[in-house]
PDB file of N, CA and C in Angstrom:
ATOM      1  N   MET A   1       0.830  -1.195   0.000  1.00  0.00           N
ATOM      2  CA  MET A   1       0.000   0.000   0.000  1.00  0.00           C
ATOM      3  C   MET A   1       0.873   1.256   0.000  1.00  0.00           C
ATOM      4  N   GLY A   2       2.033   1.168   0.650  1.00  0.00           N
ATOM      5  CA  GLY A   2       2.931   2.314   0.699  1.00  0.00           C
ATOM      6  C   GLY A   2       3.442   2.708  -0.675  1.00  0.00           C
ATOM      7  N   LEU A   3       3.690   1.716  -1.536  1.00  0.00           N
ATOM      8  CA  LEU A   3       4.164   1.995  -2.882  1.00  0.00           C
ATOM      9  C   LEU A   3       3.106   2.737  -3.688  1.00  0.00           C
ATOM     10  N   ILE A   4       1.859   2.370  -3.525  1.00  0.00           N
ATOM     11  CA  ILE A   4       0.773   3.036  -4.250  1.00  0.00           C
ATOM     12  C   ILE A   4       0.660   4.490  -3.809  1.00  0.00           C
ATOM     13  N   ILE A   5       0.773   4.737  -2.524  1.00  0.00           N
ATOM     14  CA  ILE A   5       0.717   6.113  -2.021  1.00  0.00           C
ATOM     15  C   ILE A   5       1.915   6.904  -2.530  1.00  0.00           C
ATOM     16  N   PHE A   6       3.097   6.285  -2.524  1.00  0.00           N
ATOM     17  CA  PHE A   6       4.307   6.943  -3.027  1.00  0.00           C
ATOM     18  C   PHE A   6       4.147   7.330  -4.488  1.00  0.00           C
ATOM     19  N   LEU A   7       3.603   6.432  -5.298  1.00  0.00           N
ATOM     20  CA  LEU A   7       3.388   6.720  -6.713  1.00  0.00           C
ATOM     21  C   LEU A   7       2.315   7.785  -6.916  1.00  0.00           C
ATOM     22  N   ALA A   8       1.284   7.767  -6.081  1.00  0.00           N
ATOM     23  CA  ALA A   8       0.227   8.783  -6.175  1.00  0.00           C
ATOM     24  C   ALA A   8       0.782  10.162  -5.827  1.00  0.00           C
ATOM     25  N   ILE A   9       1.602  10.243  -4.792  1.00  0.00           N
ATOM     26  CA  ILE A   9       2.231  11.514  -4.429  1.00  0.00           C
ATOM     27  C   ILE A   9       3.157  11.962  -5.551  1.00  0.00           C
ATOM     28  N   GLY A  10       3.896  11.017  -6.140  1.00  0.00           N
ATOM     29  CA  GLY A  10       4.772  11.345  -7.261  1.00  0.00           C
ATOM     30  C   GLY A  10       4.000  11.885  -8.450  1.00  0.00           C
ATOM     31  N   ALA A  11       2.887  11.258  -8.774  1.00  0.00           N
ATOM     32  CA  ALA A  11       2.068  11.720  -9.892  1.00  0.00           C
ATOM     33  C   ALA A  11       1.519  13.109  -9.627  1.00  0.00           C
ATOM     34  N   LEU A  12       1.024  13.343  -8.421  1.00  0.00           N
ATOM     35  CA  LEU A  12       0.490  14.658  -8.057  1.00  0.00           C
ATOM     36  C   LEU A  12       1.588  15.710  -8.082  1.00  0.00           C
ATOM     37  N   ALA A  13       2.742  15.383  -7.521  1.00  0.00           N
ATOM     38  CA  ALA A  13       3.850  16.338  -7.486  1.00  0.00           C
ATOM     39  C   ALA A  13       4.356  16.642  -8.892  1.00  0.00           C
ATOM     40  N   GLY A  14       4.462  15.636  -9.738  1.00  0.00           N
ATOM     41  CA  GLY A  14       4.887  15.859 -11.121  1.00  0.00           C
ATOM     42  C   GLY A  14       3.911  16.729 -11.886  1.00  0.00           C
ATOM     43  N   TRP A  15       2.626  16.495 -11.678  1.00  0.00           N
ATOM     44  CA  TRP A  15       1.599  17.306 -12.341  1.00  0.00           C
ATOM     45  C   TRP A  15       1.643  18.750 -11.851  1.00  0.00           C
ATOM     46  N   LEU A  16       1.754  18.926 -10.522  1.00  0.00           N
ATOM     47  CA  LEU A  16       1.824  20.280  -9.963  1.00  0.00           C
ATOM     48  C   LEU A  16       3.063  21.020 -10.456  1.00  0.00           C
ATOM     49  N   ALA A  17       4.200  20.341 -10.450  1.00  0.00           N
ATOM     50  CA  ALA A  17       5.440  20.976 -10.912  1.00  0.00           C
ATOM     51  C   ALA A  17       5.351  21.331 -12.388  1.00  0.00           C
ATOM     52  N   GLY A  18       4.761  20.457 -13.196  1.00  0.00           N
ATOM     53  CA  GLY A  18       4.583  20.757 -14.614  1.00  0.00           C
ATOM     54  C   GLY A  18       3.742  22.000 -14.827  1.00  0.00           C
ATOM     55  N   ASN A  19       2.717  22.165 -14.007  1.00  0.00           N
ATOM     56  CA  ASN A  19       1.879  23.358 -14.111  1.00  0.00           C
ATOM     57  C   ASN A  19       2.599  24.597 -13.584  1.00  0.00           C
ATOM     58  N   LEU A  20       3.363  24.451 -12.520  1.00  0.00           N
ATOM     59  CA  LEU A  20       4.098  25.586 -11.953  1.00  0.00           C
ATOM     60  C   LEU A  20       5.195  26.080 -12.889  1.00  0.00           C
ATOM     61  N   MET A  21       5.825  25.147 -13.587  1.00  0.00           N
ATOM     62  CA  MET A  21       6.947  25.493 -14.460  1.00  0.00           C
ATOM     63  C   MET A  21       6.481  25.738 -15.894  1.00  0.00           C
ATOM     64  N   LYS A  22       5.227  26.023 -16.088  1.00  0.00           N
ATOM     65  CA  LYS A  22       4.641  26.340 -17.391  1.00  0.00           C
ATOM     66  C   LYS A  22       4.741  25.184 -18.380  1.00  0.00           C
ATOM     67  N   GLY A  23       4.749  23.975 -17.855  1.00  0.00           N
ATOM     68  CA  GLY A  23       4.769  22.805 -18.725  1.00  0.00           C
ATOM     69  C   GLY A  23       3.357  22.380 -19.062  1.00  0.00           C
ATOM     70  N   SER A  24       3.237  21.492 -20.003  1.00  0.00           N
ATOM     71  CA  SER A  24       1.907  21.036 -20.377  1.00  0.00           C
ATOM     72  C   SER A  24       1.591  19.671 -19.782  1.00  0.00           C
ATOM     73  N   GLY A  25       2.455  19.178 -18.922  1.00  0.00           N
ATOM     74  CA  GLY A  25       2.250  17.859 -18.348  1.00  0.00           C
ATOM     75  C   GLY A  25       2.970  16.815 -19.185  1.00  0.00           C
ATOM     76  N   PHE A  26       3.194  15.678 -18.599  1.00  0.00           N
ATOM     77  CA  PHE A  26       3.959  14.630 -19.260  1.00  0.00           C
ATOM     78  C   PHE A  26       3.182  13.337 -19.342  1.00  0.00           C
ATOM     79  N   GLY A  27       1.905  13.375 -19.083  1.00  0.00           N
ATOM     80  CA  GLY A  27       1.121  12.156 -19.025  1.00  0.00           C
ATOM     81  C   GLY A  27       1.304  11.500 -17.662  1.00  0.00           C
ATOM     82  N   LEU A  28       0.537  10.490 -17.404  1.00  0.00           N
ATOM     83  CA  LEU A  28       0.555   9.861 -16.085  1.00  0.00           C
ATOM     84  C   LEU A  28       1.918   9.278 -15.740  1.00  0.00           C
ATOM     85  N   VAL A  29       2.490   8.503 -16.644  1.00  0.00           N
ATOM     86  CA  VAL A  29       3.780   7.860 -16.365  1.00  0.00           C
ATOM     87  C   VAL A  29       4.884   8.911 -16.244  1.00  0.00           C
ATOM     88  N   GLY A  30       4.883   9.898 -17.115  1.00  0.00           N
ATOM     89  CA  GLY A  30       5.885  10.964 -17.051  1.00  0.00           C
ATOM     90  C   GLY A  30       5.791  11.753 -15.770  1.00  0.00           C
ATOM     91  N   ASN A  31       4.572  12.075 -15.344  1.00  0.00           N
ATOM     92  CA  ASN A  31       4.378  12.798 -14.091  1.00  0.00           C
ATOM     93  C   ASN A  31       4.859  11.978 -12.898  1.00  0.00           C
ATOM     94  N   ILE A  32       4.605  10.678 -12.921  1.00  0.00           N
ATOM     95  CA  ILE A  32       5.067   9.820 -11.828  1.00  0.00           C
ATOM     96  C   ILE A  32       6.595   9.818 -11.782  1.00  0.00           C
ATOM     97  N   ILE A  33       7.229   9.685 -12.938  1.00  0.00           N
ATOM     98  CA  ILE A  33       8.694   9.661 -12.968  1.00  0.00           C
ATOM     99  C   ILE A  33       9.266  10.986 -12.487  1.00  0.00           C
ATOM    100  N   VAL A  34       8.751  12.098 -13.000  1.00  0.00           N
ATOM    101  CA  VAL A  34       9.221  13.414 -12.566  1.00  0.00           C
ATOM    102  C   VAL A  34       8.961  13.601 -11.073  1.00  0.00           C
ATOM    103  N   GLY A  35       7.797  13.175 -10.603  1.00  0.00           N
ATOM    104  CA  GLY A  35       7.458  13.326  -9.190  1.00  0.00           C
ATOM    105  C   GLY A  35       8.320  12.488  -8.271  1.00  0.00           C
ATOM    106  N   VAL A  36       8.591  11.242  -8.657  1.00  0.00           N
ATOM    107  CA  VAL A  36       9.402  10.355  -7.811  1.00  0.00           C
ATOM    108  C   VAL A  36      10.849  10.843  -7.768  1.00  0.00           C
ATOM    109  N   VAL A  37      11.415  11.176  -8.927  1.00  0.00           N
ATOM    110  CA  VAL A  37      12.780  11.709  -8.945  1.00  0.00           C
ATOM    111  C   VAL A  37      12.819  13.047  -8.214  1.00  0.00           C
ATOM    112  N   GLY A  38      11.792  13.857  -8.402  1.00  0.00           N
ATOM    113  CA  GLY A  38      11.704  15.138  -7.697  1.00  0.00           C
ATOM    114  C   GLY A  38      11.572  14.976  -6.198  1.00  0.00           C
ATOM    115  N   ALA A  39      10.866  13.940  -5.762  1.00  0.00           N
ATOM    116  CA  ALA A  39      10.733  13.685  -4.328  1.00  0.00           C
ATOM    117  C   ALA A  39      12.084  13.363  -3.706  1.00  0.00           C
ATOM    118  N   VAL A  40      12.874  12.571  -4.413  1.00  0.00           N
ATOM    119  CA  VAL A  40      14.222  12.243  -3.926  1.00  0.00           C
ATOM    120  C   VAL A  40      15.085  13.507  -3.895  1.00  0.00           C
ATOM    121  N   LEU A  41      15.038  14.277  -4.977  1.00  0.00           N
ATOM    122  CA  LEU A  41      15.808  15.513  -5.060  1.00  0.00           C
ATOM    123  C   LEU A  41      15.348  16.515  -4.003  1.00  0.00           C
ATOM    124  N   GLY A  42      14.037  16.646  -3.833  1.00  0.00           N
ATOM    125  CA  GLY A  42      13.500  17.563  -2.827  1.00  0.00           C
ATOM    126  C   GLY A  42      13.864  17.144  -1.414  1.00  0.00           C
ATOM    127  N   GLY A  43      13.789  15.843  -1.144  1.00  0.00           N
ATOM    128  CA  GLY A  43      14.182  15.347   0.178  1.00  0.00           C
ATOM    129  C   GLY A  43      15.645  15.627   0.467  1.00  0.00           C
ATOM    130  N   PHE A  44      16.502  15.462  -0.545  1.00  0.00           N
ATOM    131  CA  PHE A  44      17.921  15.753  -0.381  1.00  0.00           C
ATOM    132  C   PHE A  44      18.143  17.248  -0.142  1.00  0.00           C
ATOM    133  N   ALA A  45      17.494  18.096  -0.967  1.00  0.00           N
ATOM    134  CA  ALA A  45      17.664  19.547  -0.849  1.00  0.00           C
ATOM    135  C   ALA A  45      17.132  20.059   0.488  1.00  0.00           C
ATOM    136  N   PHE A  46      15.961  19.581   0.895  1.00  0.00           N
ATOM    137  CA  PHE A  46      15.403  20.014   2.172  1.00  0.00           C
ATOM    138  C   PHE A  46      16.263  19.522   3.329  1.00  0.00           C
ATOM    139  N   GLY A  47      16.852  18.332   3.190  1.00  0.00           N
ATOM    140  CA  GLY A  47      17.747  17.801   4.213  1.00  0.00           C
ATOM    141  C   GLY A  47      18.990  18.660   4.374  1.00  0.00           C
ATOM    142  N   LEU A  48      19.517  19.166   3.258  1.00  0.00           N
ATOM    143  CA  LEU A  48      20.671  20.059   3.330  1.00  0.00           C
ATOM    144  C   LEU A  48      20.329  21.357   4.053  1.00  0.00           C
ATOM    145  N   LEU A  49      19.084  21.777   3.934  1.00  0.00           N
ATOM    146  CA  LEU A  49      18.634  22.995   4.601  1.00  0.00           C
ATOM    147  C   LEU A  49      18.208  22.748   6.047  1.00  0.00           C
ATOM    148  N   GLY A  50      18.216  21.492   6.464  1.00  0.00           N
ATOM    149  CA  GLY A  50      17.817  21.155   7.827  1.00  0.00           C
ATOM    150  C   GLY A  50      16.318  21.064   8.017  1.00  0.00           C
ATOM    151  N   LEU A  51      15.574  20.920   6.942  1.00  0.00           N
ATOM    152  CA  LEU A  51      14.118  20.822   7.003  1.00  0.00           C
ATOM    153  C   LEU A  51      13.686  19.386   6.783  1.00  0.00           C
ATOM    154  N   SER A  52      12.513  19.049   7.279  1.00  0.00           N
ATOM    155  CA  SER A  52      11.986  17.703   7.058  1.00  0.00           C
ATOM    156  C   SER A  52      10.523  17.805   6.619  1.00  0.00           C
ATOM    157  N   ALA A  53      10.066  16.791   5.914  1.00  0.00           N
ATOM    158  CA  ALA A  53       8.691  16.746   5.424  1.00  0.00           C
ATOM    159  C   ALA A  53       7.866  15.902   6.386  1.00  0.00           C
ATOM    160  N   ALA A  54       7.070  16.570   7.195  1.00  0.00           N
ATOM    161  CA  ALA A  54       6.226  15.859   8.149  1.00  0.00           C
ATOM    162  C   ALA A  54       4.801  15.796   7.609  1.00  0.00           C
ATOM    163  N   GLY A  55       4.240  14.618   7.570  1.00  0.00           N
ATOM    164  CA  GLY A  55       2.860  14.447   7.152  1.00  0.00           C
ATOM    165  C   GLY A  55       2.709  14.409   5.647  1.00  0.00           C
ATOM    166  N   LEU A  56       1.508  14.149   5.226  1.00  0.00           N
ATOM    167  CA  LEU A  56       1.206  14.011   3.803  1.00  0.00           C
ATOM    168  C   LEU A  56       1.417  15.317   3.051  1.00  0.00           C
ATOM    169  N   ILE A  57       0.950  16.417   3.607  1.00  0.00           N
ATOM    170  CA  ILE A  57       1.091  17.718   2.945  1.00  0.00           C
ATOM    171  C   ILE A  57       2.561  18.076   2.803  1.00  0.00           C
ATOM    172  N   GLY A  58       3.348  17.826   3.830  1.00  0.00           N
ATOM    173  CA  GLY A  58       4.781  18.099   3.774  1.00  0.00           C
ATOM    174  C   GLY A  58       5.474  17.274   2.709  1.00  0.00           C
ATOM    175  N   GLN A  59       5.050  16.025   2.566  1.00  0.00           N
ATOM    176  CA  GLN A  59       5.631  15.167   1.537  1.00  0.00           C
ATOM    177  C   GLN A  59       5.273  15.662   0.140  1.00  0.00           C
ATOM    178  N   ILE A  60       4.044  16.114  -0.030  1.00  0.00           N
ATOM    179  CA  ILE A  60       3.618  16.638  -1.333  1.00  0.00           C
ATOM    180  C   ILE A  60       4.380  17.917  -1.660  1.00  0.00           C
ATOM    181  N   VAL A  61       4.540  18.799  -0.675  1.00  0.00           N
ATOM    182  CA  VAL A  61       5.275  20.050  -0.888  1.00  0.00           C
ATOM    183  C   VAL A  61       6.732  19.751  -1.235  1.00  0.00           C
ATOM    184  N   THR A  62       7.355  18.835  -0.497  1.00  0.00           N
ATOM    185  CA  THR A  62       8.742  18.469  -0.757  1.00  0.00           C
ATOM    186  C   THR A  62       8.896  17.867  -2.151  1.00  0.00           C
ATOM    187  N   ALA A  63       8.023  16.955  -2.518  1.00  0.00           N
ATOM    188  CA  ALA A  63       8.097  16.322  -3.835  1.00  0.00           C
ATOM    189  C   ALA A  63       7.841  17.331  -4.948  1.00  0.00           C
ATOM    190  N   THR A  64       6.907  18.244  -4.746  1.00  0.00           N
ATOM    191  CA  THR A  64       6.607  19.255  -5.755  1.00  0.00           C
ATOM    192  C   THR A  64       7.779  20.222  -5.921  1.00  0.00           C
ATOM    193  N   ALA A  65       8.370  20.651  -4.808  1.00  0.00           N
ATOM    194  CA  ALA A  65       9.525  21.547  -4.880  1.00  0.00           C
ATOM    195  C   ALA A  65      10.693  20.858  -5.581  1.00  0.00           C
ATOM    196  N   GLY A  66      10.924  19.610  -5.246  1.00  0.00           N
ATOM    197  CA  GLY A  66      11.995  18.863  -5.908  1.00  0.00           C
ATOM    198  C   GLY A  66      11.719  18.654  -7.384  1.00  0.00           C
ATOM    199  N   SER A  67      10.466  18.399  -7.730  1.00  0.00           N
ATOM    200  CA  SER A  67      10.096  18.212  -9.132  1.00  0.00           C
ATOM    201  C   SER A  67      10.260  19.506  -9.923  1.00  0.00           C
ATOM    202  N   ALA A  68       9.871  20.620  -9.311  1.00  0.00           N
ATOM    203  CA  ALA A  68      10.051  21.917  -9.969  1.00  0.00           C
ATOM    204  C   ALA A  68      11.536  22.208 -10.168  1.00  0.00           C
ATOM    205  N   LEU A  69      12.354  21.887  -9.171  1.00  0.00           N
ATOM    206  CA  LEU A  69      13.797  22.065  -9.293  1.00  0.00           C
ATOM    207  C   LEU A  69      14.353  21.184 -10.409  1.00  0.00           C
ATOM    208  N   LEU A  70      13.877  19.956 -10.481  1.00  0.00           N
ATOM    209  CA  LEU A  70      14.300  19.040 -11.539  1.00  0.00           C
ATOM    210  C   LEU A  70      13.942  19.596 -12.913  1.00  0.00           C
ATOM    211  N   LEU A  71      12.720  20.071 -13.081  1.00  0.00           N
ATOM    212  CA  LEU A  71      12.298  20.623 -14.370  1.00  0.00           C
ATOM    213  C   LEU A  71      13.092  21.875 -14.726  1.00  0.00           C
ATOM    214  N   PHE A  72      13.421  22.679 -13.722  1.00  0.00           N
ATOM    215  CA  PHE A  72      14.240  23.870 -13.945  1.00  0.00           C
ATOM    216  C   PHE A  72      15.632  23.478 -14.446  1.00  0.00           C
ATOM    217  N   LEU A  73      16.237  22.485 -13.789  1.00  0.00           N
ATOM    218  CA  LEU A  73      17.572  22.040 -14.181  1.00  0.00           C
ATOM    219  C   LEU A  73      17.558  21.418 -15.580  1.00  0.00           C
ATOM    220  N   VAL A  74      16.519  20.650 -15.885  1.00  0.00           N
ATOM    221  CA  VAL A  74      16.398  20.059 -17.222  1.00  0.00           C
ATOM    222  C   VAL A  74      16.244  21.154 -18.262  1.00  0.00           C
ATOM    223  N   GLY A  75      15.483  22.197 -17.939  1.00  0.00           N
ATOM    224  CA  GLY A  75      15.321  23.326 -18.845  1.00  0.00           C
ATOM    225  C   GLY A  75      16.638  24.045 -19.118  1.00  0.00           C
ATOM    226  N   LEU A  76      17.463  24.181 -18.077  1.00  0.00           N
ATOM    227  CA  LEU A  76      18.774  24.806 -18.268  1.00  0.00           C
ATOM    228  C   LEU A  76      19.668  23.972 -19.174  1.00  0.00           C
ATOM    229  N   ILE A  77      19.618  22.667 -18.982  1.00  0.00           N
ATOM    230  CA  ILE A  77      20.455  21.770 -19.784  1.00  0.00           C
ATOM    231  C   ILE A  77      19.987  21.767 -21.242  1.00  0.00           C
ATOM    232  N   LYS A  78      18.677  21.799 -21.449  1.00  0.00           N
ATOM    233  CA  LYS A  78      18.150  21.772 -22.814  1.00  0.00           C
ATOM    234  C   LYS A  78      18.492  23.050 -23.577  1.00  0.00           C
ATOM    235  N   LYS A  79      18.605  24.183 -22.874  1.00  0.00           N
ATOM    236  CA  LYS A  79      18.916  25.455 -23.549  1.00  0.00           C
ATOM    237  C   LYS A  79      20.356  25.504 -24.025  1.00  0.00           C
ATOM    238  N   SER A  80      21.250  24.833 -23.316  1.00  0.00           N
ATOM    239  CA  SER A  80      22.663  24.907 -23.696  1.00  0.00           C
ATOM    240  C   SER A  80      23.102  23.808 -24.613  1.00  0.00           C
TER     241      SER A  80
END
């Protein structure tokens, strides 16, 4: 059950980040991938700042922030 929740949070975070970063979305599988990788990246970045994601809302915020950061970095790489 934990894996399903993790994937659902990843999909939501990927979709939110795609909308925040002016993207058009990546479909369900793409959003899950962006969200899951973003969750790992966000957890690492928040950990460096000494912050932690408590509760479901905190996990969604962390995953969304990480996903937005991931999309930003991918955008920088694509431009160069």
